[in-house]
Amino acid sequence: GGRGGEAGNPSTSLVLDQFGRNLTAAAMEGKLDPVIGREKEIERVMQVLSRRTKNNPVLIGEPGVGKTAVVEGLAQAIVHGDVPE
């Protein structure tokens, strides 16, 4: 397609490389700490991502409440195959 921002678009990849972190790669390399006590939140994010519509989870909270831990736990679950089909 002619729309910008599609997966595989080199400019998109450059922006993601500059501003993002590949958490699944970090999980594969064992660079993430184990996530303890966030199973309920991780499961809820998986449920939202699995929905057919309105499947964009948003994690909101003060610094230090565990938003990063939840997404790191999700990345680890993806790497270990502990996610719904």
PDB file of N, CA and C in Angstrom:
ATOM      1  N   GLY A   1       0.798  -1.184   0.000  1.00  0.00           N
ATOM      2  CA  GLY A   1       0.000   0.000   0.000  1.00  0.00           C
ATOM      3  C   GLY A   1       0.842   1.249   0.000  1.00  0.00           C
ATOM      4  N   GLY A   2       0.221   2.356  -0.298  1.00  0.00           N
ATOM      5  CA  GLY A   2       0.925   3.610  -0.367  1.00  0.00           C
ATOM      6  C   GLY A   2       0.908   4.405   0.914  1.00  0.00           C
ATOM      7  N   ARG A   3       0.358   3.825   1.969  1.00  0.00           N
ATOM      8  CA  ARG A   3       0.241   4.555   3.230  1.00  0.00           C
ATOM      9  C   ARG A   3       1.544   4.471   4.004  1.00  0.00           C
ATOM     10  N   GLY A   4       1.990   5.561   4.596  1.00  0.00           N
ATOM     11  CA  GLY A   4       3.193   5.544   5.411  1.00  0.00           C
ATOM     12  C   GLY A   4       2.939   4.869   6.742  1.00  0.00           C
ATOM     13  N   GLY A   5       4.017   4.436   7.390  1.00  0.00           N
ATOM     14  CA  GLY A   5       3.908   3.880   8.723  1.00  0.00           C
ATOM     15  C   GLY A   5       3.566   2.408   8.778  1.00  0.00           C
ATOM     16  N   GLU A   6       3.596   1.725   7.639  1.00  0.00           N
ATOM     17  CA  GLU A   6       3.284   0.301   7.644  1.00  0.00           C
ATOM     18  C   GLU A   6       4.464  -0.496   8.164  1.00  0.00           C
ATOM     19  N   ALA A   7       4.186  -1.672   8.704  1.00  0.00           N
ATOM     20  CA  ALA A   7       5.253  -2.549   9.191  1.00  0.00           C
ATOM     21  C   ALA A   7       6.196  -2.857   8.034  1.00  0.00           C
ATOM     22  N   GLY A   8       7.482  -2.810   8.289  1.00  0.00           N
ATOM     23  CA  GLY A   8       8.464  -3.072   7.262  1.00  0.00           C
ATOM     24  C   GLY A   8       8.900  -1.829   6.514  1.00  0.00           C
ATOM     25  N   ASN A   9       8.216  -0.732   6.684  1.00  0.00           N
ATOM     26  CA  ASN A   9       8.595   0.522   6.060  1.00  0.00           C
ATOM     27  C   ASN A   9       9.895   0.989   6.715  1.00  0.00           C
ATOM     28  N   PRO A  10      10.963   1.202   5.921  1.00  0.00           N
ATOM     29  CA  PRO A  10      12.253   1.566   6.529  1.00  0.00           C
ATOM     30  C   PRO A  10      12.191   2.795   7.426  1.00  0.00           C
ATOM     31  N   SER A  11      11.408   3.814   7.059  1.00  0.00           N
ATOM     32  CA  SER A  11      11.348   5.005   7.906  1.00  0.00           C
ATOM     33  C   SER A  11      10.695   4.682   9.244  1.00  0.00           C
ATOM     34  N   THR A  12       9.710   3.791   9.248  1.00  0.00           N
ATOM     35  CA  THR A  12       9.077   3.364  10.493  1.00  0.00           C
ATOM     36  C   THR A  12      10.090   2.643  11.366  1.00  0.00           C
ATOM     37  N   SER A  13      10.863   1.765  10.766  1.00  0.00           N
ATOM     38  CA  SER A  13      11.856   1.005  11.519  1.00  0.00           C
ATOM     39  C   SER A  13      12.895   1.934  12.132  1.00  0.00           C
ATOM     40  N   LEU A  14      13.316   2.936  11.399  1.00  0.00           N
ATOM     41  CA  LEU A  14      14.301   3.877  11.930  1.00  0.00           C
ATOM     42  C   LEU A  14      13.755   4.620  13.142  1.00  0.00           C
ATOM     43  N   VAL A  15      12.509   5.034  13.069  1.00  0.00           N
ATOM     44  CA  VAL A  15      11.895   5.744  14.192  1.00  0.00           C
ATOM     45  C   VAL A  15      11.774   4.810  15.390  1.00  0.00           C
ATOM     46  N   LEU A  16      11.305   3.593  15.152  1.00  0.00           N
ATOM     47  CA  LEU A  16      11.190   2.633  16.252  1.00  0.00           C
ATOM     48  C   LEU A  16      12.554   2.315  16.846  1.00  0.00           C
ATOM     49  N   ASP A  17      13.556   2.147  15.997  1.00  0.00           N
ATOM     50  CA  ASP A  17      14.911   1.876  16.494  1.00  0.00           C
ATOM     51  C   ASP A  17      15.431   3.033  17.335  1.00  0.00           C
ATOM     52  N   GLN A  18      15.088   4.250  16.947  1.00  0.00           N
ATOM     53  CA  GLN A  18      15.588   5.424  17.653  1.00  0.00           C
ATOM     54  C   GLN A  18      14.884   5.632  18.991  1.00  0.00           C
ATOM     55  N   PHE A  19      13.579   5.396  19.032  1.00  0.00           N
ATOM     56  CA  PHE A  19      12.804   5.755  20.222  1.00  0.00           C
ATOM     57  C   PHE A  19      12.263   4.564  21.014  1.00  0.00           C
ATOM     58  N   GLY A  20      12.344   3.367  20.466  1.00  0.00           N
ATOM     59  CA  GLY A  20      11.759   2.205  21.130  1.00  0.00           C
ATOM     60  C   GLY A  20      12.809   1.201  21.576  1.00  0.00           C
ATOM     61  N   ARG A  21      12.340   0.189  22.311  1.00  0.00           N
ATOM     62  CA  ARG A  21      13.174  -0.940  22.724  1.00  0.00           C
ATOM     63  C   ARG A  21      12.479  -2.215  22.285  1.00  0.00           C
ATOM     64  N   ASN A  22      13.221  -3.131  21.691  1.00  0.00           N
ATOM     65  CA  ASN A  22      12.659  -4.417  21.303  1.00  0.00           C
ATOM     66  C   ASN A  22      12.677  -5.319  22.531  1.00  0.00           C
ATOM     67  N   LEU A  23      11.576  -5.351  23.248  1.00  0.00           N
ATOM     68  CA  LEU A  23      11.521  -6.094  24.501  1.00  0.00           C
ATOM     69  C   LEU A  23      11.513  -7.597  24.282  1.00  0.00           C
ATOM     70  N   THR A  24      10.950  -8.072  23.166  1.00  0.00           N
ATOM     71  CA  THR A  24      10.997  -9.516  22.935  1.00  0.00           C
ATOM     72  C   THR A  24      12.427  -9.960  22.659  1.00  0.00           C
ATOM     73  N   ALA A  25      13.205  -9.149  21.957  1.00  0.00           N
ATOM     74  CA  ALA A  25      14.620  -9.486  21.742  1.00  0.00           C
ATOM     75  C   ALA A  25      15.366  -9.484  23.069  1.00  0.00           C
ATOM     76  N   ALA A  26      15.101  -8.495  23.912  1.00  0.00           N
ATOM     77  CA  ALA A  26      15.741  -8.443  25.229  1.00  0.00           C
ATOM     78  C   ALA A  26      15.358  -9.662  26.058  1.00  0.00           C
ATOM     79  N   ALA A  27      14.095 -10.080  25.973  1.00  0.00           N
ATOM     80  CA  ALA A  27      13.648 -11.269  26.706  1.00  0.00           C
ATOM     81  C   ALA A  27      14.346 -12.519  26.183  1.00  0.00           C
ATOM     82  N   MET A  28      14.484 -12.632  24.862  1.00  0.00           N
ATOM     83  CA  MET A  28      15.173 -13.789  24.272  1.00  0.00           C
ATOM     84  C   MET A  28      16.617 -13.873  24.742  1.00  0.00           C
ATOM     85  N   GLU A  29      17.235 -12.713  24.920  1.00  0.00           N
ATOM     86  CA  GLU A  29      18.640 -12.664  25.332  1.00  0.00           C
ATOM     87  C   GLU A  29      18.796 -12.743  26.846  1.00  0.00           C
ATOM     88  N   GLY A  30      17.687 -12.878  27.574  1.00  0.00           N
ATOM     89  CA  GLY A  30      17.747 -12.979  29.028  1.00  0.00           C
ATOM     90  C   GLY A  30      18.110 -11.683  29.719  1.00  0.00           C
ATOM     91  N   LYS A  31      17.832 -10.563  29.068  1.00  0.00           N
ATOM     92  CA  LYS A  31      18.214  -9.256  29.612  1.00  0.00           C
ATOM     93  C   LYS A  31      17.136  -8.619  30.488  1.00  0.00           C
ATOM     94  N   LEU A  32      15.990  -9.287  30.627  1.00  0.00           N
ATOM     95  CA  LEU A  32      14.912  -8.732  31.446  1.00  0.00           C
ATOM     96  C   LEU A  32      14.838  -9.483  32.766  1.00  0.00           C
ATOM     97  N   ASP A  33      14.581  -8.744  33.828  1.00  0.00           N
ATOM     98  CA  ASP A  33      14.410  -9.363  35.142  1.00  0.00           C
ATOM     99  C   ASP A  33      13.081 -10.111  35.185  1.00  0.00           C
ATOM    100  N   PRO A  34      13.010 -11.173  35.980  1.00  0.00           N
ATOM    101  CA  PRO A  34      11.722 -11.867  36.140  1.00  0.00           C
ATOM    102  C   PRO A  34      10.669 -10.913  36.704  1.00  0.00           C
ATOM    103  N   VAL A  35       9.439 -11.092  36.268  1.00  0.00           N
ATOM    104  CA  VAL A  35       8.338 -10.248  36.730  1.00  0.00           C
ATOM    105  C   VAL A  35       7.521 -11.055  37.736  1.00  0.00           C
ATOM    106  N   ILE A  36       7.411 -10.534  38.932  1.00  0.00           N
ATOM    107  CA  ILE A  36       6.712 -11.218  40.019  1.00  0.00           C
ATOM    108  C   ILE A  36       5.462 -10.425  40.404  1.00  0.00           C
ATOM    109  N   GLY A  37       4.355 -11.107  40.569  1.00  0.00           N
ATOM    110  CA  GLY A  37       3.147 -10.481  41.093  1.00  0.00           C
ATOM    111  C   GLY A  37       2.379  -9.613  40.124  1.00  0.00           C
ATOM    112  N   ARG A  38       2.626  -9.747  38.834  1.00  0.00           N
ATOM    113  CA  ARG A  38       1.916  -8.934  37.834  1.00  0.00           C
ATOM    114  C   ARG A  38       1.124  -9.799  36.863  1.00  0.00           C
ATOM    115  N   GLU A  39       0.879 -11.050  37.253  1.00  0.00           N
ATOM    116  CA  GLU A  39       0.220 -11.989  36.348  1.00  0.00           C
ATOM    117  C   GLU A  39      -1.154 -11.493  35.901  1.00  0.00           C
ATOM    118  N   LYS A  40      -1.911 -10.923  36.826  1.00  0.00           N
ATOM    119  CA  LYS A  40      -3.265 -10.457  36.501  1.00  0.00           C
ATOM    120  C   LYS A  40      -3.215  -9.339  35.458  1.00  0.00           C
ATOM    121  N   GLU A  41      -2.300  -8.391  35.633  1.00  0.00           N
ATOM    122  CA  GLU A  41      -2.186  -7.272  34.695  1.00  0.00           C
ATOM    123  C   GLU A  41      -1.694  -7.754  33.331  1.00  0.00           C
ATOM    124  N   ILE A  42      -0.725  -8.665  33.328  1.00  0.00           N
ATOM    125  CA  ILE A  42      -0.203  -9.199  32.061  1.00  0.00           C
ATOM    126  C   ILE A  42      -1.310  -9.944  31.323  1.00  0.00           C
ATOM    127  N   GLU A  43      -2.074 -10.755  32.046  1.00  0.00           N
ATOM    128  CA  GLU A  43      -3.195 -11.491  31.449  1.00  0.00           C
ATOM    129  C   GLU A  43      -4.219 -10.525  30.854  1.00  0.00           C
ATOM    130  N   ARG A  44      -4.489  -9.430  31.536  1.00  0.00           N
ATOM    131  CA  ARG A  44      -5.460  -8.449  31.034  1.00  0.00           C
ATOM    132  C   ARG A  44      -4.954  -7.789  29.752  1.00  0.00           C
ATOM    133  N   VAL A  45      -3.671  -7.458  29.697  1.00  0.00           N
ATOM    134  CA  VAL A  45      -3.100  -6.886  28.474  1.00  0.00           C
ATOM    135  C   VAL A  45      -3.226  -7.893  27.332  1.00  0.00           C
ATOM    136  N   MET A  46      -2.962  -9.173  27.605  1.00  0.00           N
ATOM    137  CA  MET A  46      -3.117 -10.210  26.575  1.00  0.00           C
ATOM    138  C   MET A  46      -4.556 -10.278  26.081  1.00  0.00           C
ATOM    139  N   GLN A  47      -5.518 -10.185  27.005  1.00  0.00           N
ATOM    140  CA  GLN A  47      -6.931 -10.220  26.612  1.00  0.00           C
ATOM    141  C   GLN A  47      -7.264  -9.061  25.685  1.00  0.00           C
ATOM    142  N   VAL A  48      -6.791  -7.877  26.022  1.00  0.00           N
ATOM    143  CA  VAL A  48      -7.068  -6.701  25.186  1.00  0.00           C
ATOM    144  C   VAL A  48      -6.419  -6.870  23.814  1.00  0.00           C
ATOM    145  N   LEU A  49      -5.172  -7.322  23.779  1.00  0.00           N
ATOM    146  CA  LEU A  49      -4.480  -7.505  22.504  1.00  0.00           C
ATOM    147  C   LEU A  49      -5.137  -8.579  21.643  1.00  0.00           C
ATOM    148  N   SER A  50      -5.814  -9.527  22.263  1.00  0.00           N
ATOM    149  CA  SER A  50      -6.444 -10.632  21.539  1.00  0.00           C
ATOM    150  C   SER A  50      -7.818 -10.278  20.981  1.00  0.00           C
ATOM    151  N   ARG A  51      -8.371  -9.156  21.399  1.00  0.00           N
ATOM    152  CA  ARG A  51      -9.699  -8.778  20.918  1.00  0.00           C
ATOM    153  C   ARG A  51      -9.659  -8.448  19.439  1.00  0.00           C
ATOM    154  N   ARG A  52     -10.795  -8.640  18.802  1.00  0.00           N
ATOM    155  CA  ARG A  52     -10.911  -8.344  17.375  1.00  0.00           C
ATOM    156  C   ARG A  52     -10.898  -6.838  17.118  1.00  0.00           C
ATOM    157  N   THR A  53     -11.556  -6.074  17.981  1.00  0.00           N
ATOM    158  CA  THR A  53     -11.571  -4.615  17.850  1.00  0.00           C
ATOM    159  C   THR A  53     -11.188  -4.002  19.192  1.00  0.00           C
ATOM    160  N   LYS A  54     -10.884  -2.747  19.170  1.00  0.00           N
ATOM    161  CA  LYS A  54     -10.480  -2.019  20.383  1.00  0.00           C
ATOM    162  C   LYS A  54      -9.396  -2.798  21.128  1.00  0.00           C
ATOM    163  N   ASN A  55      -8.347  -3.153  20.387  1.00  0.00           N
ATOM    164  CA  ASN A  55      -7.299  -4.017  20.931  1.00  0.00           C
ATOM    165  C   ASN A  55      -5.990  -3.274  21.196  1.00  0.00           C
ATOM    166  N   ASN A  56      -6.099  -2.055  21.661  1.00  0.00           N
ATOM    167  CA  ASN A  56      -4.919  -1.252  21.969  1.00  0.00           C
ATOM    168  C   ASN A  56      -4.877  -0.953  23.463  1.00  0.00           C
ATOM    169  N   PRO A  57      -4.133  -1.745  24.225  1.00  0.00           N
ATOM    170  CA  PRO A  57      -4.064  -1.476  25.667  1.00  0.00           C
ATOM    171  C   PRO A  57      -3.247  -0.220  25.944  1.00  0.00           C
ATOM    172  N   VAL A  58      -3.647   0.518  26.953  1.00  0.00           N
ATOM    173  CA  VAL A  58      -2.915   1.708  27.385  1.00  0.00           C
ATOM    174  C   VAL A  58      -2.626   1.546  28.866  1.00  0.00           C
ATOM    175  N   LEU A  59      -1.362   1.615  29.228  1.00  0.00           N
ATOM    176  CA  LEU A  59      -0.968   1.501  30.629  1.00  0.00           C
ATOM    177  C   LEU A  59      -0.667   2.892  31.148  1.00  0.00           C
ATOM    178  N   ILE A  60      -1.419   3.304  32.147  1.00  0.00           N
ATOM    179  CA  ILE A  60      -1.303   4.653  32.697  1.00  0.00           C
ATOM    180  C   ILE A  60      -1.023   4.541  34.185  1.00  0.00           C
ATOM    181  N   GLY A  61      -0.108   5.368  34.664  1.00  0.00           N
ATOM    182  CA  GLY A  61       0.152   5.373  36.097  1.00  0.00           C
ATOM    183  C   GLY A  61       1.355   6.222  36.434  1.00  0.00           C
ATOM    184  N   GLU A  62       1.478   6.509  37.703  1.00  0.00           N
ATOM    185  CA  GLU A  62       2.612   7.286  38.196  1.00  0.00           C
ATOM    186  C   GLU A  62       3.906   6.508  37.968  1.00  0.00           C
ATOM    187  N   PRO A  63       5.039   7.217  37.927  1.00  0.00           N
ATOM    188  CA  PRO A  63       6.326   6.522  37.812  1.00  0.00           C
ATOM    189  C   PRO A  63       6.509   5.537  38.965  1.00  0.00           C
ATOM    190  N   GLY A  64       6.984   4.354  38.613  1.00  0.00           N
ATOM    191  CA  GLY A  64       7.300   3.373  39.641  1.00  0.00           C
ATOM    192  C   GLY A  64       6.188   2.423  40.018  1.00  0.00           C
ATOM    193  N   VAL A  65       5.021   2.525  39.376  1.00  0.00           N
ATOM    194  CA  VAL A  65       3.917   1.644  39.759  1.00  0.00           C
ATOM    195  C   VAL A  65       3.956   0.284  39.060  1.00  0.00           C
ATOM    196  N   GLY A  66       4.799   0.135  38.025  1.00  0.00           N
ATOM    197  CA  GLY A  66       4.960  -1.172  37.395  1.00  0.00           C
ATOM    198  C   GLY A  66       4.520  -1.295  35.954  1.00  0.00           C
ATOM    199  N   LYS A  67       4.358  -0.188  35.252  1.00  0.00           N
ATOM    200  CA  LYS A  67       3.950  -0.252  33.843  1.00  0.00           C
ATOM    201  C   LYS A  67       4.988  -0.995  33.011  1.00  0.00           C
ATOM    202  N   THR A  68       6.250  -0.658  33.200  1.00  0.00           N
ATOM    203  CA  THR A  68       7.315  -1.316  32.444  1.00  0.00           C
ATOM    204  C   THR A  68       7.384  -2.791  32.798  1.00  0.00           C
ATOM    205  N   ALA A  69       7.207  -3.129  34.063  1.00  0.00           N
ATOM    206  CA  ALA A  69       7.229  -4.537  34.476  1.00  0.00           C
ATOM    207  C   ALA A  69       6.149  -5.330  33.744  1.00  0.00           C
ATOM    208  N   VAL A  70       4.980  -4.740  33.559  1.00  0.00           N
ATOM    209  CA  VAL A  70       3.892  -5.436  32.873  1.00  0.00           C
ATOM    210  C   VAL A  70       4.275  -5.726  31.425  1.00  0.00           C
ATOM    211  N   VAL A  71       4.805  -4.746  30.709  1.00  0.00           N
ATOM    212  CA  VAL A  71       5.153  -4.993  29.304  1.00  0.00           C
ATOM    213  C   VAL A  71       6.369  -5.906  29.188  1.00  0.00           C
ATOM    214  N   GLU A  72       7.290  -5.833  30.135  1.00  0.00           N
ATOM    215  CA  GLU A  72       8.416  -6.772  30.123  1.00  0.00           C
ATOM    216  C   GLU A  72       7.926  -8.191  30.404  1.00  0.00           C
ATOM    217  N   GLY A  73       6.965  -8.325  31.299  1.00  0.00           N
ATOM    218  CA  GLY A  73       6.375  -9.640  31.557  1.00  0.00           C
ATOM    219  C   GLY A  73       5.653 -10.178  30.339  1.00  0.00           C
ATOM    220  N   LEU A  74       4.980  -9.299  29.603  1.00  0.00           N
ATOM    221  CA  LEU A  74       4.325  -9.703  28.362  1.00  0.00           C
ATOM    222  C   LEU A  74       5.358 -10.178  27.347  1.00  0.00           C
ATOM    223  N   ALA A  75       6.453  -9.447  27.214  1.00  0.00           N
ATOM    224  CA  ALA A  75       7.514  -9.841  26.282  1.00  0.00           C
ATOM    225  C   ALA A  75       8.062 -11.218  26.645  1.00  0.00           C
ATOM    226  N   GLN A  76       8.255 -11.472  27.922  1.00  0.00           N
ATOM    227  CA  GLN A  76       8.756 -12.774  28.361  1.00  0.00           C
ATOM    228  C   GLN A  76       7.740 -13.873  28.058  1.00  0.00           C
ATOM    229  N   ALA A  77       6.458 -13.581  28.260  1.00  0.00           N
ATOM    230  CA  ALA A  77       5.417 -14.561  27.950  1.00  0.00           C
ATOM    231  C   ALA A  77       5.400 -14.880  26.458  1.00  0.00           C
ATOM    232  N   ILE A  78       5.574 -13.864  25.618  1.00  0.00           N
ATOM    233  CA  ILE A  78       5.613 -14.071  24.165  1.00  0.00           C
ATOM    234  C   ILE A  78       6.778 -14.980  23.802  1.00  0.00           C
ATOM    235  N   VAL A  79       7.949 -14.695  24.355  1.00  0.00           N
ATOM    236  CA  VAL A  79       9.148 -15.482  24.048  1.00  0.00           C
ATOM    237  C   VAL A  79       8.979 -16.938  24.486  1.00  0.00           C
ATOM    238  N   HIS A  80       8.329 -17.145  25.633  1.00  0.00           N
ATOM    239  CA  HIS A  80       8.139 -18.505  26.151  1.00  0.00           C
ATOM    240  C   HIS A  80       6.920 -19.205  25.555  1.00  0.00           C
ATOM    241  N   GLY A  81       6.181 -18.507  24.699  1.00  0.00           N
ATOM    242  CA  GLY A  81       5.000 -19.102  24.080  1.00  0.00           C
ATOM    243  C   GLY A  81       3.813 -19.212  25.016  1.00  0.00           C
ATOM    244  N   ASP A  82       3.826 -18.457  26.104  1.00  0.00           N
ATOM    245  CA  ASP A  82       2.746 -18.502  27.090  1.00  0.00           C
ATOM    246  C   ASP A  82       1.669 -17.467  26.777  1.00  0.00           C
ATOM    247  N   VAL A  83       1.241 -17.425  25.528  1.00  0.00           N
ATOM    248  CA  VAL A  83       0.237 -16.453  25.097  1.00  0.00           C
ATOM    249  C   VAL A  83      -0.830 -17.171  24.272  1.00  0.00           C
ATOM    250  N   PRO A  84      -2.033 -16.603  24.207  1.00  0.00           N
ATOM    251  CA  PRO A  84      -3.084 -17.220  23.380  1.00  0.00           C
ATOM    252  C   PRO A  84      -2.693 -17.207  21.907  1.00  0.00           C
ATOM    253  N   GLU A  85      -3.248 -18.142  21.155  1.00  0.00           N
ATOM    254  CA  GLU A  85      -2.993 -18.180  19.704  1.00  0.00           C
ATOM    255  C   GLU A  85      -3.593 -16.968  19.126  1.00  0.00           C
TER     256      GLU A  85
END
